[in-house]
Structures are given as structure tokens and as C-alpha cells.
PDB file of N, CA and C in Angstrom:
ATOM      1  N   MET A   1      24.772   4.466   2.205  1.00  0.00           N
ATOM      2  CA  MET A   1      23.757   5.132   1.552  1.00  0.00           C
ATOM      3  C   MET A   1      22.516   4.080   1.459  1.00  0.00           C
ATOM      4  N   THR A   2      22.370   3.018   0.702  1.00  0.00           N
ATOM      5  CA  THR A   2      21.768   2.010   0.942  1.00  0.00           C
ATOM      6  C   THR A   2      21.214   1.502   2.010  1.00  0.00           C
ATOM      7  N   TYR A   3      22.170   1.040   2.647  1.00  0.00           N
ATOM      8  CA  TYR A   3      21.419   0.883   4.186  1.00  0.00           C
ATOM      9  C   TYR A   3      20.620   1.967   5.162  1.00  0.00           C
ATOM     10  N   ALA A   4      20.950   2.991   5.012  1.00  0.00           N
ATOM     11  CA  ALA A   4      19.877   3.897   5.513  1.00  0.00           C
ATOM     12  C   ALA A   4      18.866   3.963   4.757  1.00  0.00           C
ATOM     13  N   MET A   5      18.384   4.111   3.788  1.00  0.00           N
ATOM     14  CA  MET A   5      17.167   4.333   2.953  1.00  0.00           C
ATOM     15  C   MET A   5      16.327   3.189   3.157  1.00  0.00           C
ATOM     16  N   TRP A   6      17.043   1.972   3.564  1.00  0.00           N
ATOM     17  CA  TRP A   6      16.770   0.583   3.625  1.00  0.00           C
ATOM     18  C   TRP A   6      15.682   0.416   5.672  1.00  0.00           C
ATOM     19  N   ALA A   7      16.819   1.368   6.095  1.00  0.00           N
ATOM     20  CA  ALA A   7      16.763   0.998   7.298  1.00  0.00           C
ATOM     21  C   ALA A   7      15.283   1.662   7.700  1.00  0.00           C
ATOM     22  N   GLY A   8      15.438   3.335   6.821  1.00  0.00           N
ATOM     23  CA  GLY A   8      14.337   4.024   7.075  1.00  0.00           C
ATOM     24  C   GLY A   8      13.237   3.861   6.634  1.00  0.00           C
ATOM     25  N   MET A   9      13.269   3.144   5.618  1.00  0.00           N
ATOM     26  CA  MET A   9      12.013   2.563   5.014  1.00  0.00           C
ATOM     27  C   MET A   9      11.225   1.641   5.658  1.00  0.00           C
ATOM     28  N   GLY A  10      12.339   0.332   6.299  1.00  0.00           N
ATOM     29  CA  GLY A  10      12.076  -0.556   7.504  1.00  0.00           C
ATOM     30  C   GLY A  10      10.929   0.390   8.806  1.00  0.00           C
ATOM     31  N   ILE A  11      11.946   1.529   9.022  1.00  0.00           N
ATOM     32  CA  ILE A  11      11.107   1.894  10.501  1.00  0.00           C
ATOM     33  C   ILE A  11       9.395   2.874   9.803  1.00  0.00           C
ATOM     34  N   VAL A  12       9.588   3.462   8.962  1.00  0.00           N
ATOM     35  CA  VAL A  12       8.196   3.937   8.239  1.00  0.00           C
ATOM     36  C   VAL A  12       7.407   2.884   8.137  1.00  0.00           C
ATOM     37  N   GLY A  13       7.820   2.209   7.360  1.00  0.00           N
ATOM     38  CA  GLY A  13       6.591   0.997   7.186  1.00  0.00           C
ATOM     39  C   GLY A  13       6.401   0.187   8.619  1.00  0.00           C
ATOM     40  N   THR A  14       6.772   0.088   9.565  1.00  0.00           N
ATOM     41  CA  THR A  14       6.545  -0.836  11.024  1.00  0.00           C
ATOM     42  C   THR A  14       5.704  -0.184  11.563  1.00  0.00           C
ATOM     43  N   THR A  15       6.167   1.507  11.492  1.00  0.00           N
ATOM     44  CA  THR A  15       5.154   2.548  11.756  1.00  0.00           C
ATOM     45  C   THR A  15       3.493   2.608  11.397  1.00  0.00           C
ATOM     46  N   LEU A  16       3.758   2.933   9.788  1.00  0.00           N
ATOM     47  CA  LEU A  16       2.268   2.870   9.432  1.00  0.00           C
ATOM     48  C   LEU A  16       1.557   1.147   9.328  1.00  0.00           C
ATOM     49  N   LEU A  17       2.150   0.073   9.444  1.00  0.00           N
ATOM     50  CA  LEU A  17       1.736  -0.855   9.806  1.00  0.00           C
ATOM     51  C   LEU A  17       1.012  -1.154  11.623  1.00  0.00           C
ATOM     52  N   GLY A  18       1.864  -0.207  12.596  1.00  0.00           N
ATOM     53  CA  GLY A  18       1.353  -0.183  13.298  1.00  0.00           C
ATOM     54  C   GLY A  18       0.357   0.484  13.360  1.00  0.00           C
ATOM     55  N   ILE A  19       0.081   1.392  13.030  1.00  0.00           N
ATOM     56  CA  ILE A  19      -1.057   2.523  12.769  1.00  0.00           C
ATOM     57  C   ILE A  19      -2.316   1.783  12.259  1.00  0.00           C
ATOM     58  N   PHE A  20      -2.218   1.217  11.728  1.00  0.00           N
ATOM     59  CA  PHE A  20      -3.192   0.606  10.660  1.00  0.00           C
ATOM     60  C   PHE A  20      -3.785  -0.573  11.182  1.00  0.00           C
ATOM     61  N   LEU A  21      -3.133  -1.452  11.701  1.00  0.00           N
ATOM     62  CA  LEU A  21      -3.078  -2.790  11.507  1.00  0.00           C
ATOM     63  C   LEU A  21      -3.459  -3.160  13.413  1.00  0.00           C
ATOM     64  N   PHE A  22      -2.871  -2.030  13.798  1.00  0.00           N
ATOM     65  CA  PHE A  22      -2.500  -2.647  15.687  1.00  0.00           C
ATOM     66  C   PHE A  22      -3.316  -1.251  16.143  1.00  0.00           C
ATOM     67  N   HIS A  23      -3.919  -0.478  15.328  1.00  0.00           N
ATOM     68  CA  HIS A  23      -4.574   1.019  16.053  1.00  0.00           C
ATOM     69  C   HIS A  23      -3.691   1.492  17.077  1.00  0.00           C
ATOM     70  N   GLU A  24      -2.513   1.556  16.653  1.00  0.00           N
ATOM     71  CA  GLU A  24      -1.628   2.465  17.596  1.00  0.00           C
ATOM     72  C   GLU A  24      -1.825   3.814  17.451  1.00  0.00           C
ATOM     73  N   LYS A  25      -1.589   4.706  18.371  1.00  0.00           N
ATOM     74  CA  LYS A  25      -1.854   6.217  18.650  1.00  0.00           C
ATOM     75  C   LYS A  25      -0.668   6.549  17.746  1.00  0.00           C
ATOM     76  N   LEU A  26      -0.335   7.699  17.347  1.00  0.00           N
ATOM     77  CA  LEU A  26       0.455   8.261  16.932  1.00  0.00           C
ATOM     78  C   LEU A  26       0.268   9.928  17.709  1.00  0.00           C
ATOM     79  N   SER A  27       1.322  10.145  18.416  1.00  0.00           N
ATOM     80  CA  SER A  27       1.721  11.431  19.110  1.00  0.00           C
ATOM     81  C   SER A  27       2.477  12.243  18.389  1.00  0.00           C
ATOM     82  N   VAL A  28       2.018  13.800  18.385  1.00  0.00           N
ATOM     83  CA  VAL A  28       2.755  14.694  17.343  1.00  0.00           C
ATOM     84  C   VAL A  28       4.067  14.838  17.470  1.00  0.00           C
ATOM     85  N   PRO A  29       5.216  14.297  18.764  1.00  0.00           N
ATOM     86  CA  PRO A  29       6.356  14.490  18.497  1.00  0.00           C
ATOM     87  C   PRO A  29       6.762  13.187  17.732  1.00  0.00           C
ATOM     88  N   GLN A  30       6.446  12.137  18.063  1.00  0.00           N
ATOM     89  CA  GLN A  30       6.292  10.550  16.732  1.00  0.00           C
ATOM     90  C   GLN A  30       6.704  11.308  15.983  1.00  0.00           C
ATOM     91  N   ALA A  31       5.444  11.684  15.465  1.00  0.00           N
ATOM     92  CA  ALA A  31       4.890  11.847  13.720  1.00  0.00           C
ATOM     93  C   ALA A  31       6.100  12.690  12.783  1.00  0.00           C
ATOM     94  N   ILE A  32       6.402  14.039  14.156  1.00  0.00           N
ATOM     95  CA  ILE A  32       7.502  14.605  13.987  1.00  0.00           C
ATOM     96  C   ILE A  32       8.384  13.645  13.776  1.00  0.00           C
ATOM     97  N   CYS A  33       8.891  13.041  14.314  1.00  0.00           N
ATOM     98  CA  CYS A  33      10.601  11.749  14.663  1.00  0.00           C
ATOM     99  C   CYS A  33       9.993  11.251  12.939  1.00  0.00           C
ATOM    100  N   VAL A  34       9.160  10.581  12.533  1.00  0.00           N
ATOM    101  CA  VAL A  34       9.680   9.898  11.480  1.00  0.00           C
ATOM    102  C   VAL A  34       8.989  10.533  10.134  1.00  0.00           C
ATOM    103  N   ILE A  35       8.505  11.791  10.095  1.00  0.00           N
ATOM    104  CA  ILE A  35       8.532  12.689   9.557  1.00  0.00           C
ATOM    105  C   ILE A  35       9.961  13.551   9.006  1.00  0.00           C
ATOM    106  N   LEU A  36      11.046  13.625  10.145  1.00  0.00           N
ATOM    107  CA  LEU A  36      11.895  13.720   9.939  1.00  0.00           C
ATOM    108  C   LEU A  36      13.019  12.465   9.747  1.00  0.00           C
ATOM    109  N   ILE A  37      12.460  11.516   9.609  1.00  0.00           N
ATOM    110  CA  ILE A  37      13.533   9.910   9.432  1.00  0.00           C
ATOM    111  C   ILE A  37      13.416  10.071   7.306  1.00  0.00           C
ATOM    112  N   VAL A  38      12.152  10.682   6.989  1.00  0.00           N
ATOM    113  CA  VAL A  38      11.348  10.642   5.403  1.00  0.00           C
ATOM    114  C   VAL A  38      12.508  11.462   4.880  1.00  0.00           C
ATOM    115  N   VAL A  39      12.624  12.876   5.282  1.00  0.00           N
ATOM    116  CA  VAL A  39      13.387  13.948   4.791  1.00  0.00           C
ATOM    117  C   VAL A  39      14.419  13.787   4.783  1.00  0.00           C
ATOM    118  N   GLY A  40      15.093  13.026   5.852  1.00  0.00           N
ATOM    119  CA  GLY A  40      16.790  12.955   5.878  1.00  0.00           C
ATOM    120  C   GLY A  40      17.072  11.131   5.338  1.00  0.00           C
ATOM    121  N   ILE A  41      16.289  10.487   4.932  1.00  0.00           N
ATOM    122  CA  ILE A  41      16.318   9.962   3.519  1.00  0.00           C
ATOM    123  C   ILE A  41      16.378  10.215   2.065  1.00  0.00           C
ATOM    124  N   ALA A  42      14.935  11.187   2.131  1.00  0.00           N
ATOM    125  CA  ALA A  42      14.730  12.488   1.100  1.00  0.00           C
ATOM    126  C   ALA A  42      16.032  13.027   0.727  1.00  0.00           C
ATOM    127  N   GLY A  43      16.832  13.762   2.265  1.00  0.00           N
ATOM    128  CA  GLY A  43      17.926  14.609   1.415  1.00  0.00           C
ATOM    129  C   GLY A  43      19.648  13.059   1.080  1.00  0.00           C
ATOM    130  N   LEU A  44      19.596  12.452   1.793  1.00  0.00           N
ATOM    131  CA  LEU A  44      20.661  11.712   1.661  1.00  0.00           C
ATOM    132  C   LEU A  44      20.824  11.033   0.025  1.00  0.00           C
ATOM    133  N   LYS A  45      19.607  11.029  -0.690  1.00  0.00           N
ATOM    134  CA  LYS A  45      19.274  10.580  -1.864  1.00  0.00           C
ATOM    135  C   LYS A  45      19.594  11.827  -2.883  1.00  0.00           C
ATOM    136  N   ILE A  46      19.033  12.999  -2.483  1.00  0.00           N
ATOM    137  CA  ILE A  46      19.319  14.287  -2.915  1.00  0.00           C
ATOM    138  C   ILE A  46      20.914  14.459  -3.087  1.00  0.00           C
ATOM    139  N   LEU A  47      21.114  14.584  -2.145  1.00  0.00           N
ATOM    140  CA  LEU A  47      22.478  15.249  -2.144  1.00  0.00           C
ATOM    141  C   LEU A  47      23.871  14.087  -2.441  1.00  0.00           C
ATOM    142  N   ALA A  48      23.350  12.495  -3.210  1.00  0.00           N
ATOM    143  CA  ALA A  48      24.315  11.544  -3.117  1.00  0.00           C
ATOM    144  C   ALA A  48      24.895  11.928  -4.157  1.00  0.00           C
ATOM    145  N   GLU A  49      26.717  11.862  -3.908  1.00  0.00           N
ATOM    146  CA  GLU A  49      27.351  12.219  -5.619  1.00  0.00           C
ATOM    147  C   GLU A  49      27.527  10.745  -6.057  1.00  0.00           C
ATOM    148  N   ASN A  50      26.964  10.709  -7.503  1.00  0.00           N
ATOM    149  CA  ASN A  50      27.368   9.065  -8.401  1.00  0.00           C
ATOM    150  C   ASN A  50      28.505   8.895  -8.840  1.00  0.00           C
TER     151      ASN A  50
END
């Protein structure tokens, strides 16, 4: 689960850096995909059995 969390944070971080540093445009479908990644990471964390 840790790998999935780090990979997801890397994807979201790279996306945000692209938007803010390189002025890339984020389309609605791309934004939905990034939101789904964040929701997936949160779901993994919430539903994880320790």
C-alpha cells in the first residue's frame, strides 16, 4: 500500500508542478482523473487493515 500512496502523490505532485511551473492547461477529464487518484489513495488509507 505504501508504494501506491507514494506513486499517487508523485502523480499529483507532478501534475501540480506542471500546472504552476510550466503553465500547462488541465482539462476537465484530466482533473477528474487526478481527483480519482486522490480518492483512491484516501480509500486505500481508510480501508487498510493494520
